Amino acid sequence: MTRPIRVDIDLAAIRHNYLIAKRKAPASRAWAVVKADAYGHGVRRVAQALADVADGFALLNIEDAVALRQDGVSAPILLLEGPFDAAEVAAMAEYRLSGALHSREQLAWLAKAPAPLEVWPKVNSGMNRLGFAPGALAGVLADLAALPAVRVAGVMTHFATADEARGVAEQWARFEPLVRGLGLPVSSANTAALWDFPDTHRDWVRPGIGLYGCSPFADRLGAGLGLRAAMRLSADVIAVQSLAPGDAVGYGRLFVAERPMRIGIVACGYADGYPRVAGNGTPVAVDGAPSGLVGRVSMDMLAVDLSHLPDAGVGSTVELWGPAVPIETVAAAAGTIGYELMCAVAPRVPRVYHGLSQV
């Protein structure tokens, strides 16, 4: 492929970030959350990079879980939304997968489990997506105790506002009394709770976005948490235009030059996963030097300001996010979050892996 755009994935950074997460909760085990193709980083590559350090992996699709087992991953694997039908219960048993249990429908499927398997009943402590009402947990545990092929591995919940000032107190007050004294492992802390709410760490934590070097907090960058950016999206300048005052750039003429300018046209657009809504001034780095977006992002191209960079031109590398341009700042400029940007990078953008001998 000759189009000059690529995503560089630093596997050593992901490993570093996992170990940082472990140090935040030294008494806990940690699921490495690799859902959504490891947040766009490649689930199989990431699992290989963490194989000898990760306590377990958490994801959604049973296909990905089976692929990890076939790759030789022996660590525990947790399906975060559990089985989606009765056939997946059989696959869970075959491939030694555990899963969240959040509905009565899943409980009925488990009654037909052909071999032993483990589940994590999920309590809806206030997120109101998945999970049993707090008052239903005792009954669910009793029903599971009657299923000889099913073992309860622990109890879990998920926080809605661990990354915000309101924190987790309301949900924790609903959840913690339920699990106190059960003698079962507990999992509740996502990346934000891992950093800010150590009381919630308990037996298993679930670092997700932090594994990839991105902060879950609006007011803190990943680097400030000791994390290293694992994804770098970059593309080259493929043309240069000179603007006179009054000249406009791109669809809708959203940028009009007030002075003579040089702009670089970059081989990246919204079809590659760069957000179309990113506005003028969204940060980039051109050959390592700070600059910003100019005009509307189109399907295959965007424009950046080269006026202050006389040596930049065709062939210059533009980092759209990565170590020099924190993904959090790009996401904030686009009115979204780093999670979405990572997951949205299109399959047509080549991935290049670095670190750990490119496992």
Protein backbone atom coordinates (compact mmCIF):
# COMPACT_ATOMS: atom_id res chain seq x y z
CA MET A 1 0.00 0.00 0.00
CA THR A 2 1.49 3.33 -1.07
CA ARG A 3 -0.96 5.85 0.38
CA PRO A 4 1.12 7.54 3.10
CA ILE A 5 -0.95 6.95 6.21
CA ARG A 6 -0.47 4.46 9.01
CA VAL A 7 -1.12 3.58 12.62
CA ASP A 8 1.90 2.67 14.70
CA ILE A 9 1.11 0.47 17.71
CA ASP A 10 3.65 0.38 20.55
CA LEU A 11 3.18 -2.98 22.26
CA ALA A 12 5.84 -2.16 24.84
CA ALA A 13 3.76 0.87 25.86
CA ILE A 14 0.71 -1.34 26.40
CA ARG A 15 2.74 -3.67 28.56
CA HIS A 16 4.11 -0.69 30.51
CA ASN A 17 0.59 0.63 31.05
CA TYR A 18 -0.70 -2.72 32.27
CA LEU A 19 2.10 -2.91 34.83
CA ILE A 20 1.34 0.66 35.95
CA ALA A 21 -2.28 -0.39 36.49
CA LYS A 22 -1.12 -3.38 38.51
CA ARG A 23 0.97 -1.10 40.71
CA LYS A 24 -2.10 1.02 41.42
CA ALA A 25 -3.83 -2.04 42.90
CA PRO A 26 -1.05 -4.29 44.16
CA ALA A 27 -3.39 -6.56 46.13
CA SER A 28 -5.72 -7.13 43.18
CA ARG A 29 -5.61 -9.13 40.01
CA ALA A 30 -6.29 -7.24 36.78
CA TRP A 31 -8.34 -8.11 33.74
CA ALA A 32 -6.71 -6.53 30.67
CA VAL A 33 -9.77 -5.21 28.84
CA VAL A 34 -9.29 -5.96 25.14
CA LYS A 35 -12.81 -5.48 23.82
CA ALA A 36 -13.40 -3.66 20.51
CA ASP A 37 -10.30 -5.28 19.02
CA ALA A 38 -8.31 -3.99 22.00
CA TYR A 39 -9.69 -0.49 21.45
CA GLY A 40 -8.47 -0.60 17.88
CA HIS A 41 -4.98 -1.86 18.73
CA GLY A 42 -5.45 -5.50 17.66
CA VAL A 43 -6.72 -7.96 20.24
CA ARG A 44 -4.48 -10.87 19.28
CA ARG A 45 -1.31 -8.78 19.18
CA VAL A 46 -2.13 -7.10 22.49
CA ALA A 47 -2.90 -10.42 24.17
CA GLN A 48 0.41 -11.83 22.96
CA ALA A 49 2.24 -8.77 24.30
CA LEU A 50 0.65 -9.28 27.74
CA ALA A 51 0.54 -13.07 27.80
CA ASP A 52 3.19 -13.53 30.46
CA VAL A 53 2.05 -10.70 32.75
CA ALA A 54 -1.74 -10.41 32.48
CA ASP A 55 -3.87 -12.06 35.13
CA GLY A 56 -6.67 -12.38 32.61
CA PHE A 57 -8.36 -10.82 29.60
CA ALA A 58 -11.84 -9.30 29.33
CA LEU A 59 -13.69 -8.80 26.05
CA LEU A 60 -17.11 -9.11 24.39
CA ASN A 61 -17.07 -11.39 21.37
CA ILE A 62 -16.74 -15.11 21.88
CA GLU A 63 -15.02 -15.30 18.49
CA ASP A 64 -12.18 -13.19 19.83
CA ALA A 65 -12.01 -15.28 22.99
CA VAL A 66 -11.80 -18.50 21.00
CA ALA A 67 -9.07 -16.99 18.81
CA LEU A 68 -7.04 -16.17 21.93
CA ARG A 69 -7.39 -19.73 23.18
CA GLN A 70 -6.30 -21.03 19.77
CA ASP A 71 -3.30 -18.69 19.97
CA GLY A 72 -2.30 -20.45 23.18
CA VAL A 73 -3.55 -17.93 25.74
CA SER A 74 -4.16 -19.92 28.91
CA ALA A 75 -5.04 -17.07 31.29
CA PRO A 76 -8.66 -16.57 32.41
CA ILE A 77 -10.88 -14.90 29.80
CA LEU A 78 -14.03 -13.05 30.82
CA LEU A 79 -16.90 -12.27 28.45
CA LEU A 80 -18.04 -8.88 29.74
CA GLU A 81 -21.60 -9.26 28.47
CA GLY A 82 -21.77 -13.01 28.97
CA PRO A 83 -23.31 -15.38 26.43
CA PHE A 84 -25.65 -14.01 23.76
CA ASP A 85 -27.46 -17.32 23.22
CA ALA A 86 -27.51 -20.92 24.44
CA ALA A 87 -24.93 -22.03 21.85
CA GLU A 88 -22.40 -19.66 23.35
CA VAL A 89 -22.82 -21.33 26.74
CA ALA A 90 -21.55 -24.54 25.19
CA ALA A 91 -18.61 -22.69 23.63
CA MET A 92 -17.80 -21.07 26.97
CA ALA A 93 -17.56 -24.49 28.56
CA GLU A 94 -15.48 -25.90 25.69
CA TYR A 95 -12.95 -23.07 25.70
CA ARG A 96 -12.86 -22.43 29.47
CA LEU A 97 -14.37 -18.96 29.27
CA SER A 98 -16.10 -17.22 32.15
CA GLY A 99 -18.80 -14.65 31.59
CA ALA A 100 -20.87 -11.96 33.16
CA LEU A 101 -24.39 -13.02 34.06
CA HIS A 102 -26.88 -10.18 33.85
CA SER A 103 -30.27 -11.59 32.87
CA ARG A 104 -32.77 -14.33 33.60
CA GLU A 105 -32.51 -15.43 29.97
CA GLN A 106 -28.83 -16.18 30.43
CA LEU A 107 -29.63 -18.05 33.64
CA ALA A 108 -31.98 -20.32 31.69
CA TRP A 109 -29.26 -21.02 29.10
CA LEU A 110 -26.80 -21.89 31.85
CA ALA A 111 -29.14 -24.61 33.10
CA LYS A 112 -28.20 -26.53 29.94
CA ALA A 113 -24.44 -26.09 30.28
CA PRO A 114 -22.81 -29.30 28.96
CA ALA A 115 -19.68 -28.93 31.08
CA PRO A 116 -18.43 -26.89 34.04
CA LEU A 117 -18.08 -23.16 33.56
CA GLU A 118 -17.77 -19.99 35.65
CA VAL A 119 -19.96 -16.92 35.80
CA TRP A 120 -19.84 -13.47 37.37
CA PRO A 121 -23.33 -12.27 38.34
CA LYS A 122 -23.54 -8.56 37.54
CA VAL A 123 -25.35 -6.12 39.79
CA ASN A 124 -27.00 -3.04 38.31
CA SER A 125 -25.84 -0.58 40.95
CA GLY A 126 -26.92 2.51 39.02
CA MET A 127 -25.55 2.39 35.47
CA ASN A 128 -28.89 0.94 34.30
CA ARG A 129 -27.50 -0.92 31.33
CA LEU A 130 -26.87 -4.54 32.30
CA GLY A 131 -27.27 -6.37 35.56
CA PHE A 132 -29.69 -7.63 38.19
CA ALA A 133 -31.33 -5.25 40.62
CA PRO A 134 -29.50 -5.27 43.96
CA GLY A 135 -32.41 -6.96 45.67
CA ALA A 136 -32.34 -9.83 43.17
CA LEU A 137 -28.74 -10.91 43.79
CA ALA A 138 -29.49 -13.33 46.63
CA GLY A 139 -32.07 -15.14 44.52
CA VAL A 140 -29.74 -15.33 41.54
CA LEU A 141 -26.99 -16.84 43.69
CA ALA A 142 -29.47 -19.38 45.05
CA ASP A 143 -30.53 -20.34 41.52
CA LEU A 144 -26.91 -20.72 40.46
CA ALA A 145 -26.18 -22.92 43.47
CA ALA A 146 -28.74 -25.36 42.08
CA LEU A 147 -26.84 -25.73 38.80
CA PRO A 148 -24.11 -28.34 39.30
CA ALA A 149 -22.18 -27.38 36.14
CA VAL A 150 -21.95 -23.68 37.05
CA ARG A 151 -19.57 -22.10 39.52
CA VAL A 152 -19.87 -18.51 40.71
CA ALA A 153 -16.42 -16.99 40.18
CA GLY A 154 -17.33 -13.63 41.69
CA VAL A 155 -19.73 -10.70 41.60
CA MET A 156 -19.28 -7.58 39.51
CA THR A 157 -20.70 -4.14 38.80
CA HIS A 158 -19.77 -1.18 36.62
CA PHE A 159 -19.48 2.49 37.55
CA ALA A 160 -21.13 5.27 35.54
CA THR A 161 -19.26 8.29 36.90
CA ALA A 162 -15.91 7.12 38.25
CA ASP A 163 -14.26 9.65 35.92
CA GLU A 164 -16.33 12.57 37.24
CA ALA A 165 -16.41 14.69 40.38
CA ARG A 166 -19.51 12.88 41.66
CA GLY A 167 -17.45 9.69 41.82
CA VAL A 168 -18.76 6.28 42.80
CA ALA A 169 -20.17 6.78 46.29
CA GLU A 170 -23.82 6.27 45.38
CA GLN A 171 -23.25 3.08 43.41
CA TRP A 172 -20.70 1.73 45.88
CA ALA A 173 -23.19 2.23 48.73
CA ARG A 174 -25.67 0.02 46.84
CA PHE A 175 -23.16 -2.62 45.82
CA GLU A 176 -20.66 -3.05 48.64
CA PRO A 177 -23.16 -4.15 51.34
CA LEU A 178 -24.46 -6.83 48.97
CA VAL A 179 -21.09 -8.48 48.51
CA ARG A 180 -19.77 -7.95 52.02
CA GLY A 181 -19.50 -11.30 53.73
CA LEU A 182 -20.35 -13.39 50.66
CA GLY A 183 -16.86 -14.78 50.47
CA LEU A 184 -16.82 -14.26 46.71
CA PRO A 185 -14.31 -12.29 44.63
CA VAL A 186 -15.47 -8.81 43.64
CA SER A 187 -14.78 -6.80 40.48
CA SER A 188 -15.91 -3.21 40.10
CA ALA A 189 -13.03 -0.83 39.34
CA ASN A 190 -12.53 0.41 35.80
CA THR A 191 -9.54 2.59 34.86
CA ALA A 192 -10.95 5.71 36.52
CA ALA A 193 -11.82 3.92 39.76
CA LEU A 194 -8.44 2.20 39.68
CA TRP A 195 -6.79 5.61 39.92
CA ASP A 196 -9.20 7.53 42.15
CA PHE A 197 -11.15 5.07 44.32
CA PRO A 198 -8.86 2.48 45.89
CA ASP A 199 -11.61 1.20 48.19
CA THR A 200 -13.25 -0.31 45.10
CA HIS A 201 -10.24 -2.29 43.93
CA ARG A 202 -11.05 -5.50 45.79
CA ASP A 203 -10.16 -8.77 44.04
CA TRP A 204 -10.16 -7.93 40.33
CA VAL A 205 -9.75 -4.54 38.63
CA ARG A 206 -10.55 -3.92 34.98
CA PRO A 207 -8.16 -1.46 33.30
CA GLY A 208 -9.40 -0.59 29.83
CA ILE A 209 -8.61 2.78 28.26
CA GLY A 210 -5.57 3.18 30.51
CA LEU A 211 -3.91 0.17 28.88
CA TYR A 212 -3.62 2.15 25.69
CA GLY A 213 -2.17 5.29 27.28
CA CYS A 214 -5.31 7.42 27.29
CA SER A 215 -6.75 9.04 30.40
CA PRO A 216 -10.39 8.48 31.34
CA PHE A 217 -10.48 11.93 32.97
CA ALA A 218 -11.41 15.15 31.20
CA ASP A 219 -8.88 17.16 33.21
CA ARG A 220 -5.88 14.80 33.13
CA LEU A 221 -3.78 13.42 30.31
CA GLY A 222 -2.54 9.85 30.21
CA ALA A 223 1.06 11.04 30.50
CA GLY A 224 0.17 12.68 33.79
CA LEU A 225 -0.98 9.28 35.06
CA GLY A 226 2.34 7.71 34.14
CA LEU A 227 0.94 6.13 30.97
CA ARG A 228 2.48 5.94 27.51
CA ALA A 229 0.52 6.48 24.30
CA ALA A 230 0.28 3.18 22.45
CA MET A 231 -1.29 4.42 19.20
CA ARG A 232 0.16 6.96 16.76
CA LEU A 233 -1.93 7.95 13.75
CA SER A 234 0.17 9.75 11.16
CA ALA A 235 -0.02 10.67 7.49
CA ASP A 236 2.11 12.62 5.05
CA VAL A 237 1.63 15.96 3.34
CA ILE A 238 0.81 15.16 -0.29
CA ALA A 239 0.38 18.72 -1.61
CA VAL A 240 0.99 22.34 -0.59
CA GLN A 241 -1.24 25.32 -1.38
CA SER A 242 -0.43 29.02 -1.02
CA LEU A 243 -3.29 31.21 0.15
CA ALA A 244 -3.85 34.93 -0.25
CA PRO A 245 -5.99 36.86 2.24
CA GLY A 246 -9.62 35.99 1.56
CA ASP A 247 -8.91 32.52 0.15
CA ALA A 248 -10.94 29.70 1.71
CA VAL A 249 -10.10 26.07 2.40
CA GLY A 250 -12.22 22.97 1.94
CA TYR A 251 -15.90 22.13 1.81
CA GLY A 252 -18.19 24.81 3.15
CA ARG A 253 -15.36 27.38 3.11
CA LEU A 254 -15.20 27.12 6.91
CA PHE A 255 -11.73 28.66 7.03
CA VAL A 256 -10.85 31.93 5.31
CA ALA A 257 -7.28 33.18 5.37
CA GLU A 258 -6.71 36.61 6.91
CA ARG A 259 -3.06 36.70 5.79
CA PRO A 260 -0.82 34.93 3.29
CA MET A 261 -0.53 31.27 4.30
CA ARG A 262 0.94 27.93 3.28
CA ILE A 263 -1.23 24.90 3.96
CA GLY A 264 -0.39 21.24 3.67
CA ILE A 265 -2.89 18.71 2.33
CA VAL A 266 -2.63 15.51 4.35
CA ALA A 267 -3.57 11.96 3.29
CA CYS A 268 -6.08 11.38 6.07
CA GLY A 269 -9.81 11.98 6.29
CA TYR A 270 -12.94 10.83 8.00
CA ALA A 271 -12.95 7.59 5.99
CA ASP A 272 -9.72 6.78 7.84
CA GLY A 273 -11.35 7.47 11.20
CA TYR A 274 -10.28 11.07 11.78
CA PRO A 275 -13.30 12.97 13.14
CA ARG A 276 -15.04 15.13 10.54
CA VAL A 277 -16.24 17.47 13.28
CA ALA A 278 -12.70 18.43 14.30
CA GLY A 279 -12.49 22.18 13.77
CA ASN A 280 -9.94 24.80 12.87
CA GLY A 281 -6.94 24.69 15.18
CA THR A 282 -7.32 21.07 16.27
CA PRO A 283 -3.73 20.20 17.21
CA VAL A 284 -1.36 18.21 15.02
CA ALA A 285 2.43 17.96 14.82
CA VAL A 286 4.22 18.45 11.50
CA ASP A 287 7.63 16.81 11.53
CA GLY A 288 7.39 17.13 15.31
CA ALA A 289 6.47 20.84 15.33
CA PRO A 290 3.09 21.98 16.68
CA SER A 291 0.47 23.13 14.20
CA GLY A 292 -3.26 22.90 13.67
CA LEU A 293 -6.07 21.88 11.39
CA VAL A 294 -7.38 24.28 8.72
CA GLY A 295 -10.85 23.92 7.20
CA ARG A 296 -13.25 21.01 7.15
CA VAL A 297 -12.03 17.41 7.23
CA SER A 298 -13.06 15.63 4.03
CA MET A 299 -13.34 11.93 3.26
CA ASP A 300 -9.73 11.30 2.30
CA MET A 301 -7.86 14.51 3.13
CA LEU A 302 -7.46 17.29 5.63
CA ALA A 303 -5.42 20.49 5.69
CA VAL A 304 -2.91 21.82 8.22
CA ASP A 305 -1.16 25.15 8.62
CA LEU A 306 2.46 25.20 7.40
CA SER A 307 2.87 28.98 7.44
CA HIS A 308 5.27 28.95 10.39
CA LEU A 309 7.13 25.87 9.14
CA PRO A 310 9.18 26.89 6.09
CA ASP A 311 10.95 23.54 5.87
CA ALA A 312 7.71 21.53 5.84
CA GLY A 313 6.26 20.39 2.54
CA VAL A 314 5.34 17.37 0.49
CA GLY A 315 6.53 14.28 2.34
CA SER A 316 6.41 15.87 5.79
CA THR A 317 4.91 13.58 8.42
CA VAL A 318 1.88 14.85 10.29
CA GLU A 319 1.10 13.21 13.62
CA LEU A 320 -2.65 13.39 14.10
CA TRP A 321 -2.48 11.83 17.54
CA GLY A 322 0.17 9.95 19.46
CA PRO A 323 3.07 10.74 21.79
CA ALA A 324 3.46 14.32 20.50
CA VAL A 325 -0.27 15.06 20.15
CA PRO A 326 -2.22 13.53 23.03
CA ILE A 327 -5.34 11.80 21.77
CA GLU A 328 -7.27 13.39 24.65
CA THR A 329 -6.63 16.88 23.23
CA VAL A 330 -7.78 15.87 19.76
CA ALA A 331 -10.88 14.24 21.20
CA ALA A 332 -11.70 17.33 23.26
CA ALA A 333 -11.38 19.52 20.18
CA ALA A 334 -13.78 17.20 18.35
CA GLY A 335 -16.27 17.05 21.23
CA THR A 336 -15.71 13.35 21.87
CA ILE A 337 -13.44 11.02 23.86
CA GLY A 338 -10.22 9.21 23.10
CA TYR A 339 -11.99 5.85 23.27
CA GLU A 340 -14.03 6.71 20.18
CA LEU A 341 -11.06 7.91 18.17
CA MET A 342 -9.07 4.75 18.90
CA CYS A 343 -11.94 2.46 17.99
CA ALA A 344 -12.87 4.41 14.86
CA VAL A 345 -9.59 4.07 12.94
CA ALA A 346 -10.62 2.39 9.70
CA PRO A 347 -9.41 -1.04 8.55
CA ARG A 348 -7.97 0.58 5.43
CA VAL A 349 -5.28 2.27 7.54
CA PRO A 350 -2.25 -0.06 7.81
CA ARG A 351 -1.18 -1.07 11.33
CA VAL A 352 2.53 -1.30 12.08
CA TYR A 353 3.55 -2.97 15.34
CA HIS A 354 6.62 -2.11 17.39
CA GLY A 355 8.14 -3.33 20.63
CA LEU A 356 8.50 -6.76 22.21
CA SER A 357 10.00 -8.10 18.97
CA GLN A 358 6.69 -7.35 17.22
CA VAL A 359 4.90 -10.29 18.83
